[in-house]
């Protein structure tokens, strides 16, 4: 294990998926890390997420691939269906087919499960300190070290600060200062059902996306098939910060009115929905300043249409740890090297996520053109179209 000859820890602000995998990747390279989480406990909100082959490529490097796959579900395929007429627009074979093409699986998992795998890894490493009730108020970079000032008035000194504090990042405000995130005009409702509560004719082992006019609905199994994840998205100008707000079921049904019975029957199964307003930011080239850098959503928040938020944060973490290990005595240079390697890839995902959102929510002539274009694709065409993403980093 590498030694860096410096007693001060690297400070990671935020104990979500990005913060924990960053701490673990750095610890593997021999760097002591303190994770500062403002909540009273380490836990992840939300429901299902999709994990492309690209995340498993980097998880292999840090030895966490099997831990993440242990609770995941590996679907056989991914389908887009037209939510108005029920026709299958396109199908992409996953399972063994994707594994052979990309040398890694495609899986879906509960956010709590991947977060739990990262948390267990951190708890099992003696170089990671996990600290709760640590709300960061300000950061001061004095050139040789960085001081984090907490809301309690306590000051914590570190070699550097990595902001993994998400969409509404306090650390980003300190070094980029570009104001609040961009509101997309889309709202996502999410819920999870137990397997036994899903009508047999509506359960599918695949990832199914129903594309409707200014709406879409996705469902797939979670946690080895024990759960069923539902996400319904529609256009709305409503804005509210947070990931765990209670949604109005009648508003949801109003937006999905007139769509296929399969869609409506599943939506009606849910008594309580949680929702969040979808936001992102314009891609930026510079998210590093001296001994402070950003990672994951704090650096490059993206809409969920490519299902790459956790994947990009994990790629970031492994890349960052490698760059720090290459230049352990010059962290500002290491941070610049990390940023240089990542900004174009993450920027492309940010932009293409918006484009995919337009595809999913197309209506009228645009929807007919989408269905024609995607319907004519072969499996090879589908894989080649996503090679830039799944074949990376």
Protein backbone atom coordinates (compact mmCIF):
# COMPACT_ATOMS: atom_id res chain seq x y z
CA UNK A 1 0.00 0.00 0.00
CA UNK A 2 1.32 3.44 -0.89
CA UNK A 3 2.46 5.81 1.81
CA UNK A 4 2.29 9.54 1.27
CA UNK A 5 4.46 10.91 4.06
CA UNK A 6 1.85 13.36 5.28
CA UNK A 7 -0.09 13.13 8.53
CA UNK A 8 -3.12 15.27 7.62
CA UNK A 9 -6.15 13.46 6.19
CA UNK A 10 -7.95 14.31 2.97
CA UNK A 11 -11.40 15.68 3.86
CA UNK A 12 -14.41 14.40 1.93
CA UNK A 13 -17.55 16.50 2.32
CA UNK A 14 -20.64 14.32 1.92
CA UNK A 15 -21.28 10.69 2.80
CA UNK A 16 -23.45 9.64 -0.11
CA UNK A 17 -22.49 7.25 -2.91
CA UNK A 18 -19.80 9.54 -4.33
CA UNK A 19 -18.28 10.48 -0.99
CA UNK A 20 -17.98 6.93 0.29
CA UNK A 21 -16.48 5.44 -2.86
CA UNK A 22 -14.02 8.34 -3.02
CA UNK A 23 -12.95 7.73 0.58
CA UNK A 24 -12.48 4.03 -0.06
CA UNK A 25 -10.57 4.48 -3.33
CA UNK A 26 -8.18 6.96 -1.64
CA UNK A 27 -7.73 4.70 1.39
CA UNK A 28 -6.74 1.83 -0.90
CA UNK A 29 -3.93 4.05 -2.18
CA UNK A 30 -2.73 4.67 1.39
CA UNK A 31 -4.29 8.07 2.10
CA UNK A 32 -6.12 8.74 5.40
CA UNK A 33 -9.59 10.22 4.80
CA UNK A 34 -12.20 11.86 6.99
CA UNK A 35 -15.75 11.79 5.62
CA UNK A 36 -17.86 14.67 6.93
CA UNK A 37 -21.60 13.96 6.64
CA UNK A 38 -24.18 16.48 7.87
CA UNK A 39 -26.93 13.91 8.55
CA UNK A 40 -27.05 12.06 11.88
CA UNK A 41 -26.44 8.74 10.13
CA UNK A 42 -25.08 7.38 6.88
CA UNK A 43 -27.99 6.34 4.70
CA UNK A 44 -29.20 6.72 1.14
CA UNK A 45 -32.64 7.93 0.07
CA UNK A 46 -34.28 7.03 -3.20
CA UNK A 47 -35.07 3.81 -4.98
CA UNK A 48 -33.66 1.96 -7.97
CA UNK A 49 -30.74 2.95 -10.15
CA UNK A 50 -29.25 1.35 -13.24
CA UNK A 51 -25.59 0.38 -13.40
CA UNK A 52 -24.00 0.30 -16.83
CA UNK A 53 -21.00 -1.91 -17.68
CA UNK A 54 -18.77 1.15 -17.25
CA UNK A 55 -19.26 1.25 -13.47
CA UNK A 56 -18.30 -2.41 -13.08
CA UNK A 57 -15.08 -1.77 -14.99
CA UNK A 58 -13.93 0.66 -12.29
CA UNK A 59 -15.44 -1.34 -9.41
CA UNK A 60 -13.19 -4.19 -10.56
CA UNK A 61 -10.19 -1.94 -9.91
CA UNK A 62 -11.12 -1.34 -6.27
CA UNK A 63 -12.45 -4.83 -5.55
CA UNK A 64 -16.11 -3.92 -4.98
CA UNK A 65 -17.74 -5.43 -8.08
CA UNK A 66 -18.92 -8.61 -6.34
CA UNK A 67 -20.21 -6.69 -3.31
CA UNK A 68 -22.36 -4.46 -5.54
CA UNK A 69 -23.61 -7.34 -7.69
CA UNK A 70 -24.56 -9.43 -4.63
CA UNK A 71 -27.79 -7.47 -4.08
CA UNK A 72 -28.39 -6.36 -7.67
CA UNK A 73 -30.59 -7.70 -10.46
CA UNK A 74 -29.15 -8.44 -13.91
CA UNK A 75 -31.97 -7.98 -16.46
CA UNK A 76 -32.16 -9.87 -19.73
CA UNK A 77 -33.02 -6.80 -21.75
CA UNK A 78 -34.20 -3.23 -21.92
CA UNK A 79 -37.32 -2.29 -23.85
CA UNK A 80 -38.90 0.96 -24.91
CA UNK A 81 -42.64 0.76 -25.48
CA UNK A 82 -45.03 3.37 -26.80
CA UNK A 83 -47.23 4.38 -23.85
CA UNK A 84 -50.17 5.29 -26.09
CA UNK A 85 -50.48 2.26 -28.38
CA UNK A 86 -48.42 -0.31 -26.48
CA UNK A 87 -46.15 -1.17 -29.41
CA UNK A 88 -42.56 -2.18 -28.74
CA UNK A 89 -40.33 0.58 -30.12
CA UNK A 90 -37.00 -1.16 -29.54
CA UNK A 91 -35.31 -3.81 -27.41
CA UNK A 92 -31.67 -4.04 -26.38
CA UNK A 93 -30.48 -7.46 -25.23
CA UNK A 94 -28.56 -7.30 -21.97
CA UNK A 95 -27.52 -10.20 -19.73
CA UNK A 96 -24.88 -12.39 -21.37
CA UNK A 97 -25.09 -10.45 -24.64
CA UNK A 98 -24.03 -7.18 -23.02
CA UNK A 99 -21.43 -8.94 -20.89
CA UNK A 100 -19.80 -10.39 -24.01
CA UNK A 101 -19.84 -7.07 -25.83
CA UNK A 102 -18.64 -4.83 -22.99
CA UNK A 103 -16.83 -7.44 -20.83
CA UNK A 104 -18.97 -6.38 -17.87
CA UNK A 105 -22.61 -6.85 -16.80
CA UNK A 106 -25.51 -4.41 -16.87
CA UNK A 107 -27.40 -4.41 -13.59
CA UNK A 108 -30.05 -2.55 -11.61
CA UNK A 109 -29.91 -2.04 -7.86
CA UNK A 110 -31.44 -0.14 -4.97
CA UNK A 111 -29.55 3.04 -4.07
CA UNK A 112 -29.48 1.80 -0.48
CA UNK A 113 -27.73 -1.39 -1.57
CA UNK A 114 -24.86 0.19 -3.53
CA UNK A 115 -24.47 2.83 -0.80
CA UNK A 116 -24.41 0.00 1.75
CA UNK A 117 -21.67 -1.83 -0.14
CA UNK A 118 -19.55 1.32 -0.22
CA UNK A 119 -20.28 2.04 3.46
CA UNK A 120 -19.26 -1.48 4.53
CA UNK A 121 -16.01 -1.14 2.57
CA UNK A 122 -15.22 2.17 4.31
CA UNK A 123 -16.06 0.78 7.75
CA UNK A 124 -13.69 -2.09 7.08
CA UNK A 125 -10.72 0.15 6.24
CA UNK A 126 -8.64 1.68 9.04
CA UNK A 127 -7.73 4.78 7.00
CA UNK A 128 -11.35 5.95 6.67
CA UNK A 129 -12.99 7.97 9.45
CA UNK A 130 -16.78 8.31 9.09
CA UNK A 131 -18.23 11.30 10.95
CA UNK A 132 -21.87 12.40 11.28
CA UNK A 133 -23.51 15.70 12.24
CA UNK A 134 -20.73 17.60 10.46
CA UNK A 135 -22.28 20.51 8.57
CA UNK A 136 -19.73 22.49 6.58
CA UNK A 137 -20.16 26.26 6.65
CA UNK A 138 -17.00 27.47 4.95
CA UNK A 139 -13.62 26.34 3.60
CA UNK A 140 -10.29 28.12 3.72
CA UNK A 141 -7.35 27.06 1.56
CA UNK A 142 -4.10 28.40 3.02
CA UNK A 143 -1.88 26.93 0.31
CA UNK A 144 -0.24 24.19 2.38
CA UNK A 145 -3.47 22.80 3.86
CA UNK A 146 -7.21 23.39 3.94
CA UNK A 147 -9.41 24.36 6.90
CA UNK A 148 -13.06 23.30 6.98
CA UNK A 149 -15.23 25.39 9.31
CA UNK A 150 -18.28 23.57 10.63
CA UNK A 151 -21.57 25.15 11.66
CA UNK A 152 -20.64 24.31 15.26
CA UNK A 153 -17.61 26.58 14.93
CA UNK A 154 -15.19 23.66 15.00
CA UNK A 155 -12.32 23.83 12.50
CA UNK A 156 -10.94 20.71 10.82
CA UNK A 157 -7.59 20.78 9.06
CA UNK A 158 -6.81 18.56 6.10
CA UNK A 159 -4.46 18.15 3.16
CA UNK A 160 -7.30 18.87 0.74
CA UNK A 161 -11.09 18.94 0.40
CA UNK A 162 -13.18 16.92 -2.03
CA UNK A 163 -16.76 18.17 -2.36
CA UNK A 164 -19.07 15.18 -2.76
CA UNK A 165 -22.07 17.05 -1.45
CA UNK A 166 -24.39 16.69 -4.40
CA UNK A 167 -26.62 18.88 -6.51
CA UNK A 168 -26.89 21.71 -3.97
CA UNK A 169 -23.17 21.52 -3.13
CA UNK A 170 -21.88 23.92 -0.51
CA UNK A 171 -18.32 23.25 -1.66
CA UNK A 172 -19.20 24.13 -5.25
CA UNK A 173 -20.56 27.43 -4.03
CA UNK A 174 -17.16 28.14 -2.47
CA UNK A 175 -15.09 27.48 -5.60
CA UNK A 176 -17.38 27.82 -8.64
CA UNK A 177 -20.14 30.09 -7.35
CA UNK A 178 -22.58 29.56 -10.21
CA UNK A 179 -25.75 29.77 -8.14
CA UNK A 180 -28.60 27.27 -7.93
CA UNK A 181 -28.97 24.31 -10.32
CA UNK A 182 -30.95 24.46 -13.57
CA UNK A 183 -34.53 23.26 -13.21
CA UNK A 184 -35.40 20.92 -16.08
CA UNK A 185 -39.18 21.29 -15.92
CA UNK A 186 -39.54 17.56 -15.18
CA UNK A 187 -40.64 15.87 -11.95
CA UNK A 188 -39.91 12.24 -11.05
CA UNK A 189 -42.21 10.19 -8.82
CA UNK A 190 -40.73 6.98 -7.44
CA UNK A 191 -41.94 4.04 -5.43
CA UNK A 192 -40.97 0.46 -4.64
CA UNK A 193 -43.35 -2.49 -4.44
CA UNK A 194 -42.76 -5.92 -2.93
CA UNK A 195 -42.58 -8.64 -5.57
CA UNK A 196 -45.76 -10.27 -4.29
CA UNK A 197 -47.71 -7.01 -4.66
CA UNK A 198 -47.06 -6.81 -8.41
CA UNK A 199 -49.78 -8.42 -10.58
CA UNK A 200 -48.24 -11.42 -12.34
CA UNK A 201 -49.04 -10.16 -15.84
CA UNK A 202 -47.33 -6.82 -15.10
CA UNK A 203 -44.08 -8.15 -13.61
CA UNK A 204 -41.13 -8.33 -16.01
CA UNK A 205 -37.50 -9.37 -15.49
CA UNK A 206 -36.47 -6.63 -17.93
CA UNK A 207 -36.08 -2.88 -17.70
CA UNK A 208 -39.26 -1.54 -19.33
CA UNK A 209 -39.63 2.11 -20.36
CA UNK A 210 -43.02 3.39 -21.48
CA UNK A 211 -42.49 6.55 -23.56
CA UNK A 212 -45.45 8.91 -23.64
CA UNK A 213 -46.17 12.52 -24.61
CA UNK A 214 -44.26 14.62 -22.06
CA UNK A 215 -44.14 11.58 -19.74
CA UNK A 216 -42.32 8.32 -19.29
CA UNK A 217 -42.62 5.41 -16.89
CA UNK A 218 -39.88 2.88 -16.02
CA UNK A 219 -40.10 -0.33 -14.01
CA UNK A 220 -37.71 -3.17 -13.20
CA UNK A 221 -36.88 -5.64 -10.38
CA UNK A 222 -34.55 -4.79 -7.49
CA UNK A 223 -32.71 -6.62 -4.69
CA UNK A 224 -32.31 -10.00 -6.37
CA UNK A 225 -35.91 -9.76 -7.60
CA UNK A 226 -37.55 -9.28 -4.21
CA UNK A 227 -38.70 -5.71 -4.99
CA UNK A 228 -40.09 -3.85 -8.00
CA UNK A 229 -38.96 -0.30 -8.80
CA UNK A 230 -41.33 2.24 -10.37
CA UNK A 231 -40.35 5.70 -11.64
CA UNK A 232 -42.84 8.00 -13.36
CA UNK A 233 -41.68 11.30 -14.89
CA UNK A 234 -43.77 14.15 -16.26
CA UNK A 235 -43.33 17.79 -17.24
CA UNK A 236 -44.02 20.40 -14.57
CA UNK A 237 -42.71 23.85 -13.64
CA UNK A 238 -42.97 23.03 -9.93
CA UNK A 239 -39.71 23.49 -8.00
CA UNK A 240 -38.78 22.32 -4.54
CA UNK A 241 -35.41 21.25 -3.14
CA UNK A 242 -35.03 17.72 -1.86
CA UNK A 243 -35.07 14.07 -2.87
CA UNK A 244 -37.77 12.69 -0.61
CA UNK A 245 -40.93 14.79 -0.86
CA UNK A 246 -44.38 13.21 -0.77
CA UNK A 247 -46.09 13.27 -4.17
CA UNK A 248 -49.74 13.90 -5.05
CA UNK A 249 -51.04 10.70 -6.69
CA UNK A 250 -53.97 12.49 -8.33
CA UNK A 251 -51.60 14.92 -10.06
CA UNK A 252 -49.57 11.99 -11.35
CA UNK A 253 -52.62 10.20 -12.74
CA UNK A 254 -53.77 13.37 -14.45
CA UNK A 255 -50.50 13.55 -16.42
CA UNK A 256 -50.69 9.87 -17.43
CA UNK A 257 -54.36 9.94 -18.40
CA UNK A 258 -55.06 8.13 -21.67
CA UNK A 259 -51.99 5.91 -21.55
CA UNK A 260 -51.91 2.12 -21.72
CA UNK A 261 -53.81 0.06 -19.09
CA UNK A 262 -50.52 -1.67 -18.12
CA UNK A 263 -49.09 1.73 -17.15
CA UNK A 264 -52.16 2.92 -15.27
CA UNK A 265 -52.64 -0.35 -13.37
CA UNK A 266 -49.10 -0.23 -12.01
CA UNK A 267 -49.38 3.46 -11.12
CA UNK A 268 -52.61 2.73 -9.22
CA UNK A 269 -50.85 0.12 -7.06
CA UNK A 270 -48.93 2.82 -5.22
CA UNK A 271 -50.44 4.46 -2.15
CA UNK A 272 -47.58 6.81 -1.32
CA UNK A 273 -45.18 8.28 -3.86
CA UNK A 274 -41.95 10.18 -3.17
CA UNK A 275 -40.83 12.71 -5.73
CA UNK A 276 -38.03 15.03 -6.69
CA UNK A 277 -37.67 17.89 -9.16
CA UNK A 278 -35.12 17.01 -11.84
CA UNK A 279 -32.25 19.48 -12.08
CA UNK A 280 -28.81 19.64 -13.66
CA UNK A 281 -26.20 22.27 -14.53
CA UNK A 282 -24.33 23.41 -17.60
CA UNK A 283 -21.11 21.39 -18.06
CA UNK A 284 -18.03 23.23 -16.80
CA UNK A 285 -14.32 22.69 -17.44
CA UNK A 286 -12.99 23.92 -14.10
CA UNK A 287 -14.27 22.45 -10.83
CA UNK A 288 -10.93 22.55 -9.03
CA UNK A 289 -9.31 25.40 -7.14
CA UNK A 290 -6.01 24.77 -5.38
CA UNK A 291 -6.52 22.03 -2.82
CA UNK A 292 -10.29 21.88 -3.30
CA UNK A 293 -12.04 19.83 -5.98
CA UNK A 294 -15.51 18.48 -6.72
CA UNK A 295 -16.80 15.03 -7.58
CA UNK A 296 -20.03 13.44 -8.80
CA UNK A 297 -23.16 15.61 -8.76
CA UNK A 298 -21.28 18.46 -7.10
CA UNK A 299 -19.08 18.69 -10.21
CA UNK A 300 -21.40 17.62 -13.02
CA UNK A 301 -25.04 17.00 -12.00
CA UNK A 302 -27.03 15.33 -14.75
CA UNK A 303 -30.59 14.36 -15.50
CA UNK A 304 -31.35 10.69 -14.93
CA UNK A 305 -32.18 9.75 -18.52
CA UNK A 306 -28.89 7.92 -19.13
CA UNK A 307 -28.92 6.45 -15.59
CA UNK A 308 -25.32 7.50 -15.00
CA UNK A 309 -25.20 9.57 -11.79
CA UNK A 310 -23.75 6.87 -9.54
CA UNK A 311 -21.68 5.49 -12.42
CA UNK A 312 -20.00 8.83 -13.13
CA UNK A 313 -19.35 9.48 -9.42
CA UNK A 314 -17.69 6.07 -9.10
CA UNK A 315 -15.60 6.61 -12.22
CA UNK A 316 -14.59 10.01 -10.81
CA UNK A 317 -13.54 8.47 -7.50
CA UNK A 318 -11.28 5.83 -9.00
CA UNK A 319 -9.72 8.32 -11.42
CA UNK A 320 -9.14 10.85 -8.62
CA UNK A 321 -7.47 8.26 -6.38
CA UNK A 322 -5.18 7.21 -9.23
CA UNK A 323 -4.15 10.81 -9.94
CA UNK A 324 -3.52 11.54 -6.25
CA UNK A 325 -1.37 8.41 -5.99
CA UNK A 326 0.63 9.54 -9.02
CA UNK A 327 1.36 12.98 -7.48
CA UNK A 328 0.99 12.53 -3.71
CA UNK A 329 3.15 15.55 -2.91
CA UNK A 330 1.31 17.94 -5.23
CA UNK A 331 -2.42 17.54 -4.69
CA UNK A 332 -3.38 20.71 -6.62
CA UNK A 333 -1.65 19.23 -9.69
CA UNK A 334 -3.26 15.83 -9.07
CA UNK A 335 -6.69 17.47 -8.86
CA UNK A 336 -6.06 19.31 -12.12
CA UNK A 337 -5.05 16.05 -13.81
CA UNK A 338 -8.21 14.36 -12.53
CA UNK A 339 -10.40 17.21 -13.77
CA UNK A 340 -8.66 17.24 -17.15
CA UNK A 341 -9.30 13.54 -17.64
CA UNK A 342 -12.95 13.69 -16.59
CA UNK A 343 -14.60 16.92 -17.77
CA UNK A 344 -15.29 16.02 -21.42
CA UNK A 345 -16.71 12.58 -20.60
CA UNK A 346 -18.95 13.85 -17.81
CA UNK A 347 -19.98 16.87 -19.88
CA UNK A 348 -21.03 14.57 -22.72
CA UNK A 349 -23.17 12.54 -20.32
CA UNK A 350 -24.78 15.72 -18.98
CA UNK A 351 -25.67 16.88 -22.50
CA UNK A 352 -26.77 13.49 -23.84
CA UNK A 353 -28.95 12.93 -20.78
CA UNK A 354 -30.95 15.98 -21.82
CA UNK A 355 -31.21 14.64 -25.39
CA UNK A 356 -32.47 11.26 -24.20
CA UNK A 357 -35.08 13.04 -22.09
CA UNK A 358 -36.37 14.69 -25.27
CA UNK A 359 -36.56 11.28 -26.99
CA UNK A 360 -38.49 9.69 -24.15
CA UNK A 361 -41.00 12.54 -23.89
CA UNK A 362 -41.54 13.17 -27.61
CA UNK A 363 -45.11 13.69 -28.82
CA UNK A 364 -46.89 13.88 -32.15
CA UNK A 365 -44.65 13.80 -35.22
CA UNK A 366 -41.49 13.76 -33.09
CA UNK A 367 -42.68 10.58 -31.34
CA UNK A 368 -43.45 8.90 -34.69
CA UNK A 369 -39.97 9.79 -35.98
CA UNK A 370 -38.40 8.48 -32.75
CA UNK A 371 -40.24 5.18 -33.04
CA UNK A 372 -39.21 4.80 -36.69
CA UNK A 373 -35.56 5.60 -36.03
CA UNK A 374 -35.19 3.36 -32.97
CA UNK A 375 -37.38 0.61 -34.40
CA UNK A 376 -35.06 0.09 -37.35
CA UNK A 377 -31.99 -0.47 -35.16
CA UNK A 378 -30.27 -3.84 -34.94
CA UNK A 379 -28.65 -5.08 -31.71
CA UNK A 380 -25.29 -4.12 -33.17
CA UNK A 381 -26.57 -0.62 -33.92
CA UNK A 382 -27.84 -0.24 -30.35
CA UNK A 383 -24.54 -1.34 -28.82
CA UNK A 384 -22.49 0.85 -31.13
CA UNK A 385 -24.65 3.87 -30.25
CA UNK A 386 -23.81 3.44 -26.55
CA UNK A 387 -20.21 2.22 -26.95
CA UNK A 388 -18.84 5.67 -26.05
CA UNK A 389 -20.49 5.35 -22.62
CA UNK A 390 -20.49 1.66 -21.71
CA UNK A 391 -17.08 1.05 -23.27
CA UNK A 392 -15.46 3.66 -20.98
CA UNK A 393 -14.05 5.19 -18.98
